[in-house]
Structures are given as structure tokens and as C-alpha cells.
Amino acid sequence: MNIGIIGAGHIGSALAERLTGLGHTVYIANSRGPETLKDVEQKTGAKAVTAEEAAQRGTDLVVVTIPLKNIPDLPKGLLAGVPRETPIIDTSNYYPMLRDGRIPELESGALTESEWVQQHLGRPVVKVFNNIYAHHIVEKGQPAGTPGRISLPVASDDAAAKQKVMQLVDELGFDAVDAGSLHQSWRQQPGTPAYGADLPADKLRENLQSLGTERTEAQHAEFKANHARTEQAMADQGIKLN
């Protein structure tokens, strides 16, 4: 496939490395220009381009993997020329303390992270790769049927795009679990039990089912508090996000 990756941070670079290793042609971009991505090119085998070129050349798949706060700053009409059947993956997570500042719709729980992204991009998105550590994408993929194989939740309102992305997740070495609609993707956001847990498919499905589909005020408050504690611990350790 021809795959465009917009964002060359931890997740973007990890996906580029694995996808080129599987034989896909990958174009990768950041906000500073392709001339700043020579090391990424050398490490991953991806071709450094502009964000516009990554979108246009990624005719089979486009991955948007940038800090949430930067989504509104993407070039206007970035995806206008991308075929409607091309899945658009969103890997974003909301880190208000460490990186993104406060976004009212996400603070209130009115929107999930990816619903907010979808509104800004003007295209249906598929939420995946947000709840796994980047180095695990590179190191922990296993053949289908391997006991304990890590599973990844995949959420979207576009059934066809979701199916294509689930096939790619399997190709990368992980079990893909249908996590429902984009409105239900709160179940894989930071602060929830599935975040960073590397659960096998049966445990992930059990976890998703136990949470229900409509987020309650109590759940929103609980997971928001969990995430705030995690952010504070990361801040105390001097951890910075890209």
C-alpha cells in the first residue's frame, strides 16, 4: 500500500518502521519540513515529504499522529484530494497538563478525542494505536494465533474503513478488536483500564463490555482523575511528550 503518515513522533516513526518492513511504501511528514527528517528516513525507510504530499501520496491509508493541540493548525483542505474510501487513522490522546492545554469539549465529555479530531479534519476517522506504547508497536507484534497476542481496540463510524484498518492491525502483529463507534472510543482513552495495558483480545472485549457504551458522568470523572494522576506522575519524573 501507499501510506501517508502525518507526524514523525514516537507513534508515527514506529508505524513507519514497521510498515516499511512489511513492504508498504510510506511517506512521512512533520511540521518542520522534510529536510529535518533525515534521521527518520534512515531509521524507518520512509520517504520524508510535506504534510500535503503525505496526504496526497497516501492513497491507501493516511495516519494523523500529531499532538492533539496541533490538529486545528493542519493546512486547510489537507485531506480534500484524498479518495473518500481511504481510511484516515487518528492516534491522538488528550494530555491537558503536559501538552495540549484545556479543550472545553473534552473536559466536559461532550466529545471523545477522536470525535473532536474528526470535526476538525472534516473526514471520518478510525481511532487506533492510541493505547499502546510506541516501542511495543515495533517490538511486540506476533503471528496470528499466538497465545496472549496483544490486541488493539479499533473504533470508527465508517464500517468499511474500520475493516481495512483492522486487517492492517493484524498484519502488524496484533489482534484487532472492534471497539464500536467513535462516540464509544472513550473506552480506549487515557485513564481507562485498556490504556497501555496490552490486553489479549478476550480480556479487552470483556473490559469494553463491562464499561457499557454510553459514558456516565461518574465514569468520565473517574477516568479523568486517573489520567490527571498519571500526568502528574509523568511531570514529576520530567517526562515530556512529543
C-alpha atoms as a PDB file:
ATOM      1  CA  MET A   1       0.000   0.000   0.000  1.00  0.00           C
ATOM      2  CA  ASN A   2       0.881   3.661  -0.282  1.00  0.00           C
ATOM      3  CA  ILE A   3       0.630   5.098   3.234  1.00  0.00           C
ATOM      4  CA  GLY A   4       0.985   8.693   4.370  1.00  0.00           C
ATOM      5  CA  ILE A   5       1.926   9.446   7.977  1.00  0.00           C
ATOM      6  CA  ILE A   6       1.465  12.996   9.247  1.00  0.00           C
ATOM      7  CA  GLY A   7       3.529  13.214  12.407  1.00  0.00           C
ATOM      8  CA  ALA A   8       7.024  11.814  12.963  1.00  0.00           C
ATOM      9  CA  GLY A   9       6.992  11.439  16.737  1.00  0.00           C
ATOM     10  CA  HIS A  10       7.120   8.178  18.667  1.00  0.00           C
ATOM     11  CA  ILE A  11       3.985   6.568  17.197  1.00  0.00           C
ATOM     12  CA  GLY A  12       4.472   7.915  13.675  1.00  0.00           C
ATOM     13  CA  SER A  13       8.073   6.731  13.498  1.00  0.00           C
ATOM     14  CA  ALA A  14       7.230   3.327  14.981  1.00  0.00           C
ATOM     15  CA  LEU A  15       4.458   2.777  12.443  1.00  0.00           C
ATOM     16  CA  ALA A  16       6.723   3.922   9.613  1.00  0.00           C
ATOM     17  CA  GLU A  17       9.405   1.442  10.640  1.00  0.00           C
ATOM     18  CA  ARG A  18       7.015  -1.499  10.869  1.00  0.00           C
ATOM     19  CA  LEU A  19       5.035  -0.664   7.742  1.00  0.00           C
ATOM     20  CA  THR A  20       8.090  -0.267   5.516  1.00  0.00           C
ATOM     21  CA  GLY A  21       9.355  -3.544   6.966  1.00  0.00           C
ATOM     22  CA  LEU A  22       6.160  -5.175   5.741  1.00  0.00           C
ATOM     23  CA  GLY A  23       6.755  -3.882   2.225  1.00  0.00           C
ATOM     24  CA  HIS A  24       4.485  -0.846   2.189  1.00  0.00           C
ATOM     25  CA  THR A  25       5.573   2.475   0.700  1.00  0.00           C
ATOM     26  CA  VAL A  26       5.457   5.084   3.451  1.00  0.00           C
ATOM     27  CA  TYR A  27       5.593   8.870   3.193  1.00  0.00           C
ATOM     28  CA  ILE A  28       6.158  10.702   6.471  1.00  0.00           C
ATOM     29  CA  ALA A  29       5.844  14.379   7.372  1.00  0.00           C
ATOM     30  CA  ASN A  30       6.238  16.693  10.338  1.00  0.00           C
ATOM     31  CA  SER A  31       5.558  20.374  10.960  1.00  0.00           C
ATOM     32  CA  ARG A  32       9.154  21.462  10.378  1.00  0.00           C
ATOM     33  CA  GLY A  33       9.682  20.165   6.853  1.00  0.00           C
ATOM     34  CA  PRO A  34      11.169  17.044   5.231  1.00  0.00           C
ATOM     35  CA  GLU A  35      14.733  18.340   5.499  1.00  0.00           C
ATOM     36  CA  THR A  36      14.505  17.788   9.283  1.00  0.00           C
ATOM     37  CA  LEU A  37      13.607  14.103   8.912  1.00  0.00           C
ATOM     38  CA  LYS A  38      16.836  12.640   7.519  1.00  0.00           C
ATOM     39  CA  ASP A  39      17.365  10.516  10.635  1.00  0.00           C
ATOM     40  CA  VAL A  40      13.792   9.248  10.467  1.00  0.00           C
ATOM     41  CA  GLU A  41      14.224   8.361   6.804  1.00  0.00           C
ATOM     42  CA  GLN A  42      17.401   6.433   7.565  1.00  0.00           C
ATOM     43  CA  LYS A  43      15.905   4.583  10.537  1.00  0.00           C
ATOM     44  CA  THR A  44      12.499   3.729   9.099  1.00  0.00           C
ATOM     45  CA  GLY A  45      12.934   3.565   5.340  1.00  0.00           C
ATOM     46  CA  ALA A  46      10.071   6.026   4.871  1.00  0.00           C
ATOM     47  CA  LYS A  47      10.280   8.947   2.446  1.00  0.00           C
ATOM     48  CA  ALA A  48      10.200  12.377   4.091  1.00  0.00           C
ATOM     49  CA  VAL A  49       7.740  14.769   2.448  1.00  0.00           C
ATOM     50  CA  THR A  50       5.486  17.691   3.346  1.00  0.00           C
ATOM     51  CA  ALA A  51       2.182  17.113   5.122  1.00  0.00           C
ATOM     52  CA  GLU A  52       0.305  17.870   1.911  1.00  0.00           C
ATOM     53  CA  GLU A  53       2.402  15.334  -0.005  1.00  0.00           C
ATOM     54  CA  ALA A  54       1.910  12.690   2.698  1.00  0.00           C
ATOM     55  CA  ALA A  55      -1.850  13.115   2.408  1.00  0.00           C
ATOM     56  CA  GLN A  56      -1.875  13.037  -1.388  1.00  0.00           C
ATOM     57  CA  ARG A  57       0.544  10.143  -1.796  1.00  0.00           C
ATOM     58  CA  GLY A  58      -1.065   8.059   0.948  1.00  0.00           C
ATOM     59  CA  THR A  59      -3.751   6.894  -1.442  1.00  0.00           C
ATOM     60  CA  ASP A  60      -4.435   3.683   0.507  1.00  0.00           C
ATOM     61  CA  LEU A  61      -4.156   4.959   4.080  1.00  0.00           C
ATOM     62  CA  VAL A  62      -3.407   8.203   5.923  1.00  0.00           C
ATOM     63  CA  VAL A  63      -2.322   8.315   9.569  1.00  0.00           C
ATOM     64  CA  VAL A  64      -2.650  11.531  11.551  1.00  0.00           C
ATOM     65  CA  THR A  65      -0.470  11.232  14.628  1.00  0.00           C
ATOM     66  CA  ILE A  66       0.333  14.689  15.975  1.00  0.00           C
ATOM     67  CA  PRO A  67      -0.251  16.376  19.340  1.00  0.00           C
ATOM     68  CA  LEU A  68      -3.961  16.995  19.793  1.00  0.00           C
ATOM     69  CA  LYS A  69      -3.449  20.737  20.263  1.00  0.00           C
ATOM     70  CA  ASN A  70      -1.924  20.963  16.765  1.00  0.00           C
ATOM     71  CA  ILE A  71      -4.868  19.412  14.916  1.00  0.00           C
ATOM     72  CA  PRO A  72      -6.533  22.807  14.235  1.00  0.00           C
ATOM     73  CA  ASP A  73      -3.236  24.079  12.771  1.00  0.00           C
ATOM     74  CA  LEU A  74      -3.078  21.496   9.981  1.00  0.00           C
ATOM     75  CA  PRO A  75      -3.281  23.007   6.478  1.00  0.00           C
ATOM     76  CA  LYS A  76      -6.858  23.755   5.456  1.00  0.00           C
ATOM     77  CA  GLY A  77      -8.156  21.267   2.928  1.00  0.00           C
ATOM     78  CA  LEU A  78      -5.336  18.857   3.765  1.00  0.00           C
ATOM     79  CA  LEU A  79      -7.491  15.813   3.003  1.00  0.00           C
ATOM     80  CA  ALA A  80      -9.622  17.366   0.262  1.00  0.00           C
ATOM     81  CA  GLY A  81      -7.948  15.397  -2.516  1.00  0.00           C
ATOM     82  CA  VAL A  82      -7.723  12.114  -0.620  1.00  0.00           C
ATOM     83  CA  PRO A  83     -10.101   9.460  -2.035  1.00  0.00           C
ATOM     84  CA  ARG A  84     -13.245   9.070   0.071  1.00  0.00           C
ATOM     85  CA  GLU A  85     -12.567   5.356   0.546  1.00  0.00           C
ATOM     86  CA  THR A  86      -9.092   5.984   2.009  1.00  0.00           C
ATOM     87  CA  PRO A  87      -9.148   5.303   5.767  1.00  0.00           C
ATOM     88  CA  ILE A  88      -7.912   8.163   7.939  1.00  0.00           C
ATOM     89  CA  ILE A  89      -6.383   6.932  11.197  1.00  0.00           C
ATOM     90  CA  ASP A  90      -6.297   9.118  14.291  1.00  0.00           C
ATOM     91  CA  THR A  91      -3.932   8.075  17.092  1.00  0.00           C
ATOM     92  CA  SER A  92      -4.408  11.113  19.321  1.00  0.00           C
ATOM     93  CA  ASN A  93      -4.581  11.318  23.106  1.00  0.00           C
ATOM     94  CA  TYR A  94      -5.528  14.306  25.244  1.00  0.00           C
ATOM     95  CA  TYR A  95      -2.827  15.441  27.683  1.00  0.00           C
ATOM     96  CA  PRO A  96      -4.095  18.768  29.071  1.00  0.00           C
ATOM     97  CA  MET A  97      -1.428  19.208  31.732  1.00  0.00           C
ATOM     98  CA  LEU A  98       1.696  18.101  29.886  1.00  0.00           C
ATOM     99  CA  ARG A  99       1.000  19.286  26.363  1.00  0.00           C
ATOM    100  CA  ASP A 100      -2.414  20.218  24.997  1.00  0.00           C
ATOM    101  CA  GLY A 101      -3.941  22.738  27.399  1.00  0.00           C
ATOM    102  CA  ARG A 102      -7.636  22.601  28.228  1.00  0.00           C
ATOM    103  CA  ILE A 103     -10.087  21.798  25.431  1.00  0.00           C
ATOM    104  CA  PRO A 104     -13.623  22.516  26.727  1.00  0.00           C
ATOM    105  CA  GLU A 105     -15.430  19.806  24.727  1.00  0.00           C
ATOM    106  CA  LEU A 106     -13.040  17.159  26.042  1.00  0.00           C
ATOM    107  CA  GLU A 107     -13.108  18.463  29.588  1.00  0.00           C
ATOM    108  CA  SER A 108     -16.899  18.197  29.660  1.00  0.00           C
ATOM    109  CA  GLY A 109     -17.001  14.809  27.961  1.00  0.00           C
ATOM    110  CA  ALA A 110     -19.309  16.132  25.235  1.00  0.00           C
ATOM    111  CA  LEU A 111     -16.967  14.702  22.602  1.00  0.00           C
ATOM    112  CA  THR A 112     -14.401  11.933  22.563  1.00  0.00           C
ATOM    113  CA  GLU A 113     -10.911  12.871  21.460  1.00  0.00           C
ATOM    114  CA  SER A 114     -11.399  11.401  18.001  1.00  0.00           C
ATOM    115  CA  GLU A 115     -14.843  12.933  17.513  1.00  0.00           C
ATOM    116  CA  TRP A 116     -13.150  16.283  18.110  1.00  0.00           C
ATOM    117  CA  VAL A 117     -10.406  15.395  15.612  1.00  0.00           C
ATOM    118  CA  GLN A 118     -12.988  14.209  13.085  1.00  0.00           C
ATOM    119  CA  GLN A 119     -14.803  17.541  13.287  1.00  0.00           C
ATOM    120  CA  HIS A 120     -11.591  19.434  12.555  1.00  0.00           C
ATOM    121  CA  LEU A 121     -10.460  17.149   9.715  1.00  0.00           C
ATOM    122  CA  GLY A 122     -13.870  17.048   8.068  1.00  0.00           C
ATOM    123  CA  ARG A 123     -13.472  13.346   7.307  1.00  0.00           C
ATOM    124  CA  PRO A 124     -14.465  10.136   9.115  1.00  0.00           C
ATOM    125  CA  VAL A 125     -11.561   8.792  11.169  1.00  0.00           C
ATOM    126  CA  VAL A 126     -10.596   5.456  12.668  1.00  0.00           C
ATOM    127  CA  LYS A 127      -9.287   5.533  16.249  1.00  0.00           C
ATOM    128  CA  VAL A 128      -6.427   3.081  16.845  1.00  0.00           C
ATOM    129  CA  PHE A 129      -2.792   2.898  18.039  1.00  0.00           C
ATOM    130  CA  ASN A 130      -3.517   5.402  20.806  1.00  0.00           C
ATOM    131  CA  ASN A 131      -3.452   2.942  23.711  1.00  0.00           C
ATOM    132  CA  ILE A 132      -0.177   1.121  23.002  1.00  0.00           C
ATOM    133  CA  TYR A 133       3.375   2.290  23.678  1.00  0.00           C
ATOM    134  CA  ALA A 134       5.268   3.160  20.515  1.00  0.00           C
ATOM    135  CA  HIS A 135       8.139   0.755  21.142  1.00  0.00           C
ATOM    136  CA  HIS A 136       5.631  -2.073  21.630  1.00  0.00           C
ATOM    137  CA  ILE A 137       4.414  -1.486  18.065  1.00  0.00           C
ATOM    138  CA  VAL A 138       7.953  -2.222  16.906  1.00  0.00           C
ATOM    139  CA  GLU A 139       8.838  -4.975  19.370  1.00  0.00           C
ATOM    140  CA  LYS A 140       5.722  -6.895  20.383  1.00  0.00           C
ATOM    141  CA  GLY A 141       3.847  -7.875  17.237  1.00  0.00           C
ATOM    142  CA  GLN A 142       3.275 -11.644  16.964  1.00  0.00           C
ATOM    143  CA  PRO A 143       1.798 -14.056  14.403  1.00  0.00           C
ATOM    144  CA  ALA A 144      -1.943 -14.613  14.452  1.00  0.00           C
ATOM    145  CA  GLY A 145      -2.959 -17.339  16.889  1.00  0.00           C
ATOM    146  CA  THR A 146      -0.055 -16.737  19.283  1.00  0.00           C
ATOM    147  CA  PRO A 147      -1.344 -17.208  22.863  1.00  0.00           C
ATOM    148  CA  GLY A 148      -1.564 -13.893  24.683  1.00  0.00           C
ATOM    149  CA  ARG A 149      -1.174 -11.853  21.489  1.00  0.00           C
ATOM    150  CA  ILE A 150      -1.717  -8.162  22.267  1.00  0.00           C
ATOM    151  CA  SER A 151      -4.990  -6.743  20.986  1.00  0.00           C
ATOM    152  CA  LEU A 152      -5.802  -3.201  19.906  1.00  0.00           C
ATOM    153  CA  PRO A 153      -9.237  -1.552  20.017  1.00  0.00           C
ATOM    154  CA  VAL A 154     -10.394  -0.065  16.711  1.00  0.00           C
ATOM    155  CA  ALA A 155     -13.297   2.425  16.760  1.00  0.00           C
ATOM    156  CA  SER A 156     -14.991   4.251  13.890  1.00  0.00           C
ATOM    157  CA  ASP A 157     -18.331   5.221  12.392  1.00  0.00           C
ATOM    158  CA  ASP A 158     -17.108   4.085   8.953  1.00  0.00           C
ATOM    159  CA  ALA A 159     -17.525   0.300   8.808  1.00  0.00           C
ATOM    160  CA  ALA A 160     -15.532  -0.185   5.594  1.00  0.00           C
ATOM    161  CA  ALA A 161     -12.605   1.916   6.807  1.00  0.00           C
ATOM    162  CA  LYS A 162     -12.655   0.142  10.161  1.00  0.00           C
ATOM    163  CA  GLN A 163     -12.436  -3.250   8.460  1.00  0.00           C
ATOM    164  CA  LYS A 164      -9.432  -2.188   6.363  1.00  0.00           C
ATOM    165  CA  VAL A 165      -7.648  -0.855   9.434  1.00  0.00           C
ATOM    166  CA  MET A 166      -8.395  -3.998  11.436  1.00  0.00           C
ATOM    167  CA  GLN A 167      -6.723  -6.038   8.694  1.00  0.00           C
ATOM    168  CA  LEU A 168      -3.667  -3.794   8.922  1.00  0.00           C
ATOM    169  CA  VAL A 169      -3.558  -4.182  12.714  1.00  0.00           C
ATOM    170  CA  ASP A 170      -3.467  -7.952  12.235  1.00  0.00           C
ATOM    171  CA  GLU A 171      -0.706  -7.605   9.641  1.00  0.00           C
ATOM    172  CA  LEU A 172       1.328  -5.605  12.153  1.00  0.00           C
ATOM    173  CA  GLY A 173       1.097  -8.493  14.603  1.00  0.00           C
ATOM    174  CA  PHE A 174      -1.821  -7.593  16.869  1.00  0.00           C
ATOM    175  CA  ASP A 175      -5.381  -8.816  17.293  1.00  0.00           C
ATOM    176  CA  ALA A 176      -7.883  -6.162  16.219  1.00  0.00           C
ATOM    177  CA  VAL A 177     -10.951  -5.776  18.422  1.00  0.00           C
ATOM    178  CA  ASP A 178     -13.973  -3.880  17.145  1.00  0.00           C
ATOM    179  CA  ALA A 179     -14.433  -1.151  19.759  1.00  0.00           C
ATOM    180  CA  GLY A 180     -17.650   0.239  18.328  1.00  0.00           C
ATOM    181  CA  SER A 181     -18.405   3.748  17.179  1.00  0.00           C
ATOM    182  CA  LEU A 182     -16.218   6.802  17.514  1.00  0.00           C
ATOM    183  CA  HIS A 183     -18.542   8.028  20.275  1.00  0.00           C
ATOM    184  CA  GLN A 184     -17.640   4.841  22.184  1.00  0.00           C
ATOM    185  CA  SER A 185     -13.896   5.355  21.784  1.00  0.00           C
ATOM    186  CA  TRP A 186     -13.736   6.927  25.248  1.00  0.00           C
ATOM    187  CA  ARG A 187     -13.244   3.327  26.406  1.00  0.00           C
ATOM    188  CA  GLN A 188      -9.681   3.335  24.994  1.00  0.00           C
ATOM    189  CA  GLN A 189      -8.664   6.841  26.050  1.00  0.00           C
ATOM    190  CA  PRO A 190      -6.107   7.689  28.764  1.00  0.00           C
ATOM    191  CA  GLY A 191      -7.239   6.849  32.289  1.00  0.00           C
ATOM    192  CA  THR A 192      -9.278   3.819  31.241  1.00  0.00           C
ATOM    193  CA  PRO A 193      -8.296   0.211  32.039  1.00  0.00           C
ATOM    194  CA  ALA A 194      -7.426  -0.538  28.403  1.00  0.00           C
ATOM    195  CA  TYR A 195      -4.920   2.299  28.097  1.00  0.00           C
ATOM    196  CA  GLY A 196      -1.365   0.936  27.894  1.00  0.00           C
ATOM    197  CA  ALA A 197      -2.476  -2.431  29.270  1.00  0.00           C
ATOM    198  CA  ASP A 198      -1.515  -4.694  26.310  1.00  0.00           C
ATOM    199  CA  LEU A 199      -4.549  -6.913  26.892  1.00  0.00           C
ATOM    200  CA  PRO A 200      -5.252 -10.070  24.856  1.00  0.00           C
ATOM    201  CA  ALA A 201      -8.431  -9.970  22.784  1.00  0.00           C
ATOM    202  CA  ASP A 202     -10.704 -11.830  25.193  1.00  0.00           C
ATOM    203  CA  LYS A 203      -9.730  -9.591  28.101  1.00  0.00           C
ATOM    204  CA  LEU A 204     -10.075  -6.426  26.022  1.00  0.00           C
ATOM    205  CA  ARG A 205     -13.552  -7.396  24.824  1.00  0.00           C
ATOM    206  CA  GLU A 206     -14.545  -8.214  28.401  1.00  0.00           C
ATOM    207  CA  ASN A 207     -13.244  -4.848  29.546  1.00  0.00           C
ATOM    208  CA  LEU A 208     -15.061  -2.900  26.837  1.00  0.00           C
ATOM    209  CA  GLN A 209     -18.315  -4.699  27.555  1.00  0.00           C
ATOM    210  CA  SER A 210     -18.025  -4.065  31.285  1.00  0.00           C
ATOM    211  CA  LEU A 211     -17.856  -0.308  30.689  1.00  0.00           C
ATOM    212  CA  GLY A 212     -21.041  -0.156  28.647  1.00  0.00           C
ATOM    213  CA  THR A 213     -21.430   2.063  25.601  1.00  0.00           C
ATOM    214  CA  GLU A 214     -22.650   5.416  26.951  1.00  0.00           C
ATOM    215  CA  ARG A 215     -20.133   7.125  29.217  1.00  0.00           C
ATOM    216  CA  THR A 216     -21.692   8.142  32.511  1.00  0.00           C
ATOM    217  CA  GLU A 217     -20.729  11.260  34.432  1.00  0.00           C
ATOM    218  CA  ALA A 218     -19.181   9.034  37.091  1.00  0.00           C
ATOM    219  CA  GLN A 219     -17.058   7.205  34.514  1.00  0.00           C
ATOM    220  CA  HIS A 220     -15.919  10.456  32.955  1.00  0.00           C
ATOM    221  CA  ALA A 221     -14.918  11.814  36.365  1.00  0.00           C
ATOM    222  CA  GLU A 222     -13.142   8.575  37.337  1.00  0.00           C
ATOM    223  CA  PHE A 223     -11.080   8.230  34.178  1.00  0.00           C
ATOM    224  CA  LYS A 224     -10.312  11.943  34.070  1.00  0.00           C
ATOM    225  CA  ALA A 225      -8.971  11.716  37.645  1.00  0.00           C
ATOM    226  CA  ASN A 226      -6.954   8.595  36.777  1.00  0.00           C
ATOM    227  CA  HIS A 227      -5.375  10.405  33.852  1.00  0.00           C
ATOM    228  CA  ALA A 228      -4.625  13.513  35.896  1.00  0.00           C
ATOM    229  CA  ARG A 229      -2.720  11.397  38.416  1.00  0.00           C
ATOM    230  CA  THR A 230      -0.755   9.769  35.607  1.00  0.00           C
ATOM    231  CA  GLU A 231       0.078  13.147  34.064  1.00  0.00           C
ATOM    232  CA  GLN A 232       1.223  14.494  37.414  1.00  0.00           C
ATOM    233  CA  ALA A 233       3.476  11.477  37.943  1.00  0.00           C
ATOM    234  CA  MET A 234       4.942  11.961  34.476  1.00  0.00           C
ATOM    235  CA  ALA A 235       5.520  15.642  35.187  1.00  0.00           C
ATOM    236  CA  ASP A 236       7.230  14.772  38.473  1.00  0.00           C
ATOM    237  CA  GLN A 237       9.565  12.445  36.558  1.00  0.00           C
ATOM    238  CA  GLY A 238      10.336  15.108  33.966  1.00  0.00           C
ATOM    239  CA  ILE A 239       8.740  13.136  31.133  1.00  0.00           C
ATOM    240  CA  LYS A 240       7.932  15.226  28.060  1.00  0.00           C
ATOM    241  CA  LEU A 241       5.572  14.340  25.251  1.00  0.00           C
ATOM    242  CA  ASN A 242       6.218  14.946  21.568  1.00  0.00           C
END
